Protein backbone atom coordinates (compact mmCIF):
# COMPACT_ATOMS: atom_id res chain seq x y z
CA UNK A 1 -14.93 -28.69 -3.49
CA UNK A 2 -15.19 -25.65 -0.96
CA UNK A 3 -18.26 -23.24 -2.22
CA UNK A 4 -17.76 -19.56 -2.60
CA UNK A 5 -19.90 -17.14 -0.25
CA UNK A 6 -21.26 -13.99 -2.11
CA UNK A 7 -18.02 -11.57 -1.65
CA UNK A 8 -17.98 -9.02 0.99
CA UNK A 9 -14.65 -6.94 2.65
CA UNK A 10 -11.83 -9.05 2.93
CA UNK A 11 -14.15 -12.65 3.32
CA UNK A 12 -12.12 -14.80 5.30
CA UNK A 13 -11.87 -19.02 5.71
CA UNK A 14 -11.21 -19.18 9.36
CA UNK A 15 -9.83 -22.52 9.51
CA UNK A 16 -6.71 -21.79 7.31
CA UNK A 17 -6.49 -18.10 7.34
CA UNK A 18 -3.12 -16.97 9.99
CA UNK A 19 -1.11 -14.09 9.78
CA UNK A 20 1.09 -13.64 6.91
CA UNK A 21 4.95 -13.29 7.30
CA UNK A 22 6.45 -9.90 5.97
CA UNK A 23 9.63 -12.05 5.09
CA UNK A 24 8.17 -14.25 2.83
CA UNK A 25 7.67 -11.19 0.09
CA UNK A 26 10.13 -10.76 -2.82
CA UNK A 27 11.13 -7.68 -1.72
CA UNK A 28 12.70 -9.18 1.39
CA UNK A 29 13.70 -11.76 0.12
CA UNK A 30 15.32 -9.64 -2.71
CA UNK A 31 17.89 -8.49 1.06
CA UNK A 32 17.56 -11.61 3.51
CA UNK A 33 16.78 -15.39 1.82
CA UNK A 34 20.24 -16.49 0.14
CA UNK A 35 18.28 -19.51 -0.44
CA UNK A 36 15.73 -17.61 -2.87
CA UNK A 37 15.50 -16.91 -6.69
CA UNK A 38 15.34 -13.34 -5.78
CA UNK A 39 18.18 -12.85 -3.46
CA UNK A 40 20.06 -9.56 -4.79
CA UNK A 41 18.04 -9.08 -7.47
CA UNK A 42 16.18 -5.15 -8.60
CA UNK A 43 14.35 -3.73 -11.23
CA UNK A 44 16.77 -1.52 -11.99
CA UNK A 45 19.23 -4.13 -13.07
CA UNK A 46 18.55 -4.11 -16.95
CA UNK A 47 17.69 -0.52 -16.85
CA UNK A 48 21.26 0.66 -18.71
CA UNK A 49 20.52 -1.67 -21.45
CA UNK A 50 16.99 -0.60 -21.73
CA UNK A 51 17.70 3.16 -21.73
CA UNK A 52 20.08 1.83 -24.65
CA UNK A 53 17.79 1.25 -26.40
CA UNK A 54 16.92 4.32 -26.66
CA UNK A 55 12.73 3.85 -26.19
CA UNK A 56 10.30 6.56 -25.66
CA UNK A 57 10.12 6.95 -21.79
CA UNK A 58 13.12 5.09 -21.08
CA UNK A 59 15.34 8.13 -21.23
CA UNK A 60 18.37 8.77 -19.21
CA UNK A 61 16.79 11.47 -17.83
CA UNK A 62 13.47 9.71 -17.40
CA UNK A 63 15.30 6.53 -15.21
CA UNK A 64 16.76 9.76 -13.28
CA UNK A 65 14.11 10.77 -12.19
CA UNK A 66 12.23 7.83 -11.50
CA UNK A 67 14.91 6.91 -8.55
CA UNK A 68 14.54 10.20 -7.41
CA UNK A 69 11.14 10.48 -7.07
CA UNK A 70 11.91 7.67 -4.37
CA UNK A 71 13.87 9.34 -2.70
CA UNK A 72 11.60 10.25 0.48
CA UNK A 73 10.27 7.00 0.89
CA UNK A 74 13.78 5.70 1.22
CA UNK A 75 15.64 7.42 2.88
CA UNK A 76 14.20 9.72 5.65
CA UNK A 77 14.04 6.04 7.71
CA UNK A 78 12.49 8.41 10.85
CA UNK A 79 9.22 9.04 8.89
CA UNK A 80 8.60 5.15 10.21
CA UNK A 81 9.98 5.83 13.50
CA UNK A 82 7.60 4.33 15.95
CA UNK A 83 8.85 6.37 18.64
CA UNK A 84 8.56 10.98 19.47
CA UNK A 85 11.64 11.84 16.83
CA UNK A 86 13.83 14.13 18.91
CA UNK A 87 17.38 15.58 17.56
CA UNK A 88 15.79 17.36 15.36
CA UNK A 89 17.78 19.97 12.31
CA UNK A 90 15.53 22.85 14.12
CA UNK A 91 17.45 24.94 16.39
CA UNK A 92 14.34 25.69 18.08
CA UNK A 93 13.39 23.07 21.49
CA UNK A 94 9.91 22.88 21.53
CA UNK A 95 7.40 22.47 23.94
CA UNK A 96 6.60 19.06 26.17
CA UNK A 97 3.10 19.70 25.67
CA UNK A 98 -0.04 18.29 28.03
CA UNK A 99 -1.80 14.82 26.82
CA UNK A 100 -5.15 16.48 25.03
CA UNK A 101 -8.29 15.84 27.38
CA UNK A 102 -10.95 14.53 24.94
CA UNK A 103 -14.48 12.49 25.25
CA UNK A 104 -15.24 13.10 21.92
CA UNK A 105 -13.88 10.26 19.61
CA UNK A 106 -16.49 11.65 16.60
CA UNK A 107 -14.57 15.22 16.97
CA UNK A 108 -11.34 13.42 17.27
CA UNK A 109 -11.53 11.56 14.25
CA UNK A 110 -12.78 14.75 12.05
CA UNK A 111 -9.50 16.69 13.58
CA UNK A 112 -7.45 13.68 12.72
CA UNK A 113 -8.80 13.28 9.08
CA UNK A 114 -8.77 17.46 8.26
CA UNK A 115 -4.81 17.20 9.47
CA UNK A 116 -4.23 14.09 7.66
CA UNK A 117 -5.40 15.96 4.27
CA UNK A 118 -3.47 19.16 5.30
CA UNK A 119 -0.70 17.28 5.07
CA UNK A 120 -1.31 15.56 1.85
CA UNK A 121 -3.61 12.95 2.24
CA UNK A 122 -5.95 12.28 -0.73
CA UNK A 123 -8.74 9.83 1.73
CA UNK A 124 -8.61 8.84 4.96
CA UNK A 125 -10.44 6.32 6.91
CA UNK A 126 -10.44 5.11 10.40
CA UNK A 127 -10.65 0.75 11.44
CA UNK A 128 -10.34 -0.58 14.26
CA UNK A 129 -7.48 -2.60 14.43
CA UNK A 130 -7.99 -6.10 13.29
CA UNK A 131 -4.40 -7.02 13.56
CA UNK A 132 -4.73 -10.35 11.62
CA UNK A 133 -3.95 -8.19 8.86
CA UNK A 134 -0.02 -7.15 11.22
CA UNK A 135 2.52 -9.04 9.22
CA UNK A 136 3.82 -11.92 11.96
CA UNK A 137 7.14 -11.17 10.95
CA UNK A 138 8.55 -8.49 9.73
CA UNK A 139 11.52 -8.59 6.71
CA UNK A 140 14.33 -9.60 8.65
CA UNK A 141 12.28 -12.37 10.55
CA UNK A 142 11.16 -10.32 13.60
CA UNK A 143 8.30 -11.22 15.42
CA UNK A 144 5.94 -8.39 15.21
CA UNK A 145 3.83 -6.92 18.12
CA UNK A 146 1.75 -4.29 17.96
CA UNK A 147 0.86 -2.17 21.35
CA UNK A 148 -2.58 -3.73 22.70
CA UNK A 149 -3.55 0.15 23.54
CA UNK A 150 -3.17 1.19 19.98
CA UNK A 151 -6.17 0.05 19.11
CA UNK A 152 -7.03 2.30 15.75
CA UNK A 153 -5.77 2.25 12.41
CA UNK A 154 -5.62 5.33 10.65
CA UNK A 155 -5.38 4.64 6.75
CA UNK A 156 -4.45 7.20 3.78
CA UNK A 157 -5.03 6.92 0.51
CA UNK A 158 -2.45 9.29 -1.89
CA UNK A 159 -3.51 9.78 -5.40
CA UNK A 160 -1.58 9.49 -8.03
CA UNK A 161 -2.05 11.46 -11.71
CA UNK A 162 -3.78 9.14 -14.27
CA UNK A 163 -2.34 10.54 -17.00
CA UNK A 164 1.25 9.54 -15.64
CA UNK A 165 0.49 6.59 -14.72
CA UNK A 166 -1.43 5.66 -18.16
CA UNK A 167 2.27 5.92 -19.68
CA UNK A 168 2.95 2.71 -17.92
CA UNK A 169 4.86 0.67 -17.74
CA UNK A 170 7.32 3.74 -18.93
CA UNK A 171 10.15 5.21 -16.81
CA UNK A 172 7.03 8.10 -16.77
CA UNK A 173 4.71 6.00 -14.56
CA UNK A 174 7.63 4.66 -12.41
CA UNK A 175 8.40 8.17 -10.88
CA UNK A 176 4.76 9.07 -10.62
CA UNK A 177 4.59 5.63 -8.37
CA UNK A 178 7.72 6.42 -6.54
CA UNK A 179 6.20 10.34 -6.01
CA UNK A 180 3.58 8.69 -4.42
CA UNK A 181 5.75 6.59 -1.97
CA UNK A 182 7.99 9.60 -0.82
CA UNK A 183 3.99 11.40 0.14
CA UNK A 184 3.41 8.92 1.50
CA UNK A 185 6.23 8.78 3.75
CA UNK A 186 5.97 12.55 4.66
CA UNK A 187 1.89 12.06 5.02
CA UNK A 188 2.40 9.40 8.28
CA UNK A 189 5.64 11.34 9.73
CA UNK A 190 4.06 14.40 10.17
CA UNK A 191 0.48 12.73 11.20
CA UNK A 192 2.44 10.63 13.77
CA UNK A 193 4.47 13.82 15.39
CA UNK A 194 1.19 15.89 15.37
CA UNK A 195 -0.33 12.58 17.13
CA UNK A 196 2.62 12.64 19.62
CA UNK A 197 2.13 16.15 20.47
CA UNK A 198 -1.38 15.63 21.81
CA UNK A 199 0.26 13.14 24.04
CA UNK A 200 -1.06 9.60 22.20
CA UNK A 201 1.51 6.82 20.55
CA UNK A 202 1.81 7.24 16.81
CA UNK A 203 2.96 3.85 14.95
CA UNK A 204 3.44 5.42 11.11
CA UNK A 205 3.79 2.86 8.05
CA UNK A 206 4.33 2.32 4.77
CA UNK A 207 3.85 -1.30 2.65
CA UNK A 208 6.13 -2.61 6.41
CA UNK A 209 4.00 -3.60 9.28
CA UNK A 210 0.81 -4.79 8.05
CA UNK A 211 -1.27 -5.54 5.33
CA UNK A 212 -2.56 -2.24 3.72
CA UNK A 213 -4.99 -3.23 1.04
CA UNK A 214 -7.38 -5.25 3.86
CA UNK A 215 -6.76 -2.27 6.36
CA UNK A 216 -8.03 0.63 3.85
CA UNK A 217 -11.49 -2.26 3.16
CA UNK A 218 -12.01 -2.19 6.98
CA UNK A 219 -11.26 1.78 7.11
CA UNK A 220 -14.28 1.88 4.50
CA UNK A 221 -12.28 3.34 1.41
CA UNK A 222 -12.40 0.82 -1.12
CA UNK A 223 -12.74 -2.65 -1.80
CA UNK A 224 -10.41 -5.42 -3.63
CA UNK A 225 -10.42 -5.58 -7.19
CA UNK A 226 -9.66 -8.40 -9.69
CA UNK A 227 -6.17 -7.05 -9.67
CA UNK A 228 -5.02 -7.38 -5.85
CA UNK A 229 -5.73 -3.85 -5.48
CA UNK A 230 -7.85 -1.27 -3.65
CA UNK A 231 -10.70 0.29 -5.44
CA UNK A 232 -11.72 3.42 -4.44
CA UNK A 233 -15.15 5.10 -5.26
CA UNK A 234 -12.97 7.99 -6.85
CA UNK A 235 -9.75 7.27 -8.14
CA UNK A 236 -10.22 3.59 -8.60
CA UNK A 237 -7.16 1.58 -8.17
CA UNK A 238 -4.73 4.73 -9.02
CA UNK A 239 -3.71 5.85 -5.20
CA UNK A 240 -0.67 4.03 -2.81
CA UNK A 241 -1.65 3.90 0.63
CA UNK A 242 -0.20 3.94 4.11
CA UNK A 243 -1.23 3.95 8.02
CA UNK A 244 -1.03 5.23 11.22
CA UNK A 245 -1.89 3.00 14.18
CA UNK A 246 -2.77 4.65 17.34
CA UNK A 247 -3.96 4.54 20.87
CA UNK A 248 -6.05 7.86 20.33
CA UNK A 249 -9.46 7.53 20.96
CA UNK A 250 -11.39 7.87 17.88
CA UNK A 251 -14.54 6.66 15.90
CA UNK A 252 -13.56 4.37 13.27
CA UNK A 253 -15.72 4.05 9.73
CA UNK A 254 -17.47 1.54 8.11
CA UNK A 255 -16.35 -1.29 5.35
CA UNK A 256 -18.38 -0.05 2.00
CA UNK A 257 -19.30 -2.16 -0.79
CA UNK A 258 -20.04 -0.14 -4.50
CA UNK A 259 -20.32 -2.91 -6.92
CA UNK A 260 -16.50 -3.81 -7.30
CA UNK A 261 -16.76 -7.09 -7.07
CA UNK A 262 -19.05 -7.80 -9.87
CA UNK A 263 -17.88 -5.31 -11.89
CA UNK A 264 -15.10 -7.40 -11.95
CA UNK A 265 -16.32 -10.58 -12.57
CA UNK A 266 -18.01 -9.48 -16.02
CA UNK A 267 -14.39 -6.91 -16.78
CA UNK A 268 -10.81 -8.29 -17.35
CA UNK A 269 -9.13 -5.01 -18.88
CA UNK A 270 -6.44 -5.30 -16.30
CA UNK A 271 -5.74 -8.72 -17.35
CA UNK A 272 -5.80 -7.99 -20.96
CA UNK A 273 -3.34 -5.66 -20.03
CA UNK A 274 -1.17 -7.54 -17.51
CA UNK A 275 1.87 -8.09 -19.77
CA UNK A 276 3.28 -10.69 -17.41
CA UNK A 277 0.48 -12.85 -17.16
CA UNK A 278 -0.26 -12.24 -13.04
CA UNK A 279 -3.64 -11.44 -13.11
CA UNK A 280 -6.56 -14.41 -13.43
CA UNK A 281 -9.28 -14.30 -15.27
CA UNK A 282 -11.32 -16.72 -13.43
CA UNK A 283 -15.34 -14.54 -13.12
CA UNK A 284 -15.11 -15.77 -9.57
CA UNK A 285 -12.81 -14.81 -7.04
CA UNK A 286 -11.48 -18.19 -4.45
CA UNK A 287 -9.66 -19.07 -1.67
CA UNK A 288 -7.18 -20.83 -4.80
CA UNK A 289 -3.72 -19.06 -4.27
CA UNK A 290 0.14 -19.66 -4.06
CA UNK A 291 0.37 -19.78 0.19
CA UNK A 292 4.26 -19.02 -0.81
CA UNK A 293 3.46 -15.37 -1.16
CA UNK A 294 -0.31 -14.81 0.00
CA UNK A 295 -2.12 -15.20 3.51
CA UNK A 296 -4.65 -18.57 3.07
CA UNK A 297 -8.09 -18.08 3.38
CA UNK A 298 -9.18 -14.80 2.42
CA UNK A 299 -11.03 -14.93 -1.23
CA UNK A 300 -9.95 -12.59 -4.11
CA UNK A 301 -8.45 -12.78 -7.33
CA UNK A 302 -5.13 -13.90 -5.95
CA UNK A 303 -1.64 -11.79 -8.37
CA UNK A 304 0.86 -14.37 -9.04
CA UNK A 305 3.91 -12.02 -7.56
CA UNK A 306 6.73 -14.00 -9.09
CA UNK A 307 5.54 -13.14 -12.50
CA UNK A 308 4.64 -9.76 -11.36
CA UNK A 309 7.92 -9.19 -10.28
CA UNK A 310 9.78 -10.88 -12.83
CA UNK A 311 8.60 -8.68 -15.51
CA UNK A 312 9.46 -5.34 -13.43
CA UNK A 313 13.12 -6.91 -13.60
CA UNK A 314 12.68 -7.18 -17.38
CA UNK A 315 11.37 -3.83 -17.77
CA UNK A 316 14.01 -2.26 -15.75
CA UNK A 317 11.04 -0.68 -13.79
CA UNK A 318 7.99 -0.32 -11.31
CA UNK A 319 4.46 -1.78 -13.91
CA UNK A 320 1.53 0.10 -13.42
CA UNK A 321 -0.27 -1.30 -16.41
CA UNK A 322 -2.95 -2.95 -14.53
CA UNK A 323 -3.79 0.28 -12.66
CA UNK A 324 -4.05 2.08 -16.15
CA UNK A 325 -6.49 -0.19 -17.52
CA UNK A 326 -8.75 -0.23 -15.00
CA UNK A 327 -11.81 1.85 -16.34
CA UNK A 328 -12.31 2.94 -12.73
CA UNK A 329 -8.91 4.46 -12.63
CA UNK A 330 -9.57 7.03 -15.39
CA UNK A 331 -6.69 7.23 -16.71
CA UNK A 332 -6.36 8.56 -20.32
CA UNK A 333 -4.87 6.59 -23.06
CA UNK A 334 -1.15 7.79 -23.40
């Protein structure tokens, strides 16, 4: 039996680790894998029946608000473009600006972080891009190759309202999740164009293209918790993550440790709160997890994605019980 080393940020077994294929995720299989049990499935399949039950937080208007909250993330595709946008709705012609010269990466990093905050990011960190976290293929199974000169990842968190998340798993919490994702789309779209307007390349992304949590760990934004989510020092897991890759010369931050692994060893409230039974209760993280839905060779408490998504479908919307239950999220009890 392999001995588990003391957990550090994203501890890797190099002998088995390989880039994960996004086409293996449940959301990819819903759209593209006709042989998958999830093909064509939707978390909203039972939504009408759930609304008819008349439970608090599951009304017709609650459902409409939850679905509406996803609008920017779901429909504003240009926010995720790898290329300058062009063809703006605004009729005003924009100037072609020369590349901003700089020999001060720390100053440029501070400018990027300040601008990300201006656009709505809660916290921003910068990591030297570790390509192991880039998906091997996208949802359609097409290879993903990041330009070699894009050496930095700008990683941002978007805070969610703890009071709204505390109502999980009802549609009020679902709406807060969707709203955070739409804010992600706004932030990455704006920041990418800001970087391009300075003459550099920008590749914005939400959950696509690369794994968000290990990049956030590399960028010093938090640690990986028992619930499989990023745990931040100030907001626990009550955040969403987005990122922009760039060739802009930046000064990287460094991973941080503030006791999350030890805390999660003695706390299993997220597992207690998980109605799907998808979160492990093992005292220690391990390398033992289903390779069908998880990247191999990463030391962690792996979540059972099948159980999690099946509960989402039963619930008629996303679930945030593990976030609400985490003492570090500071979610007031509903």
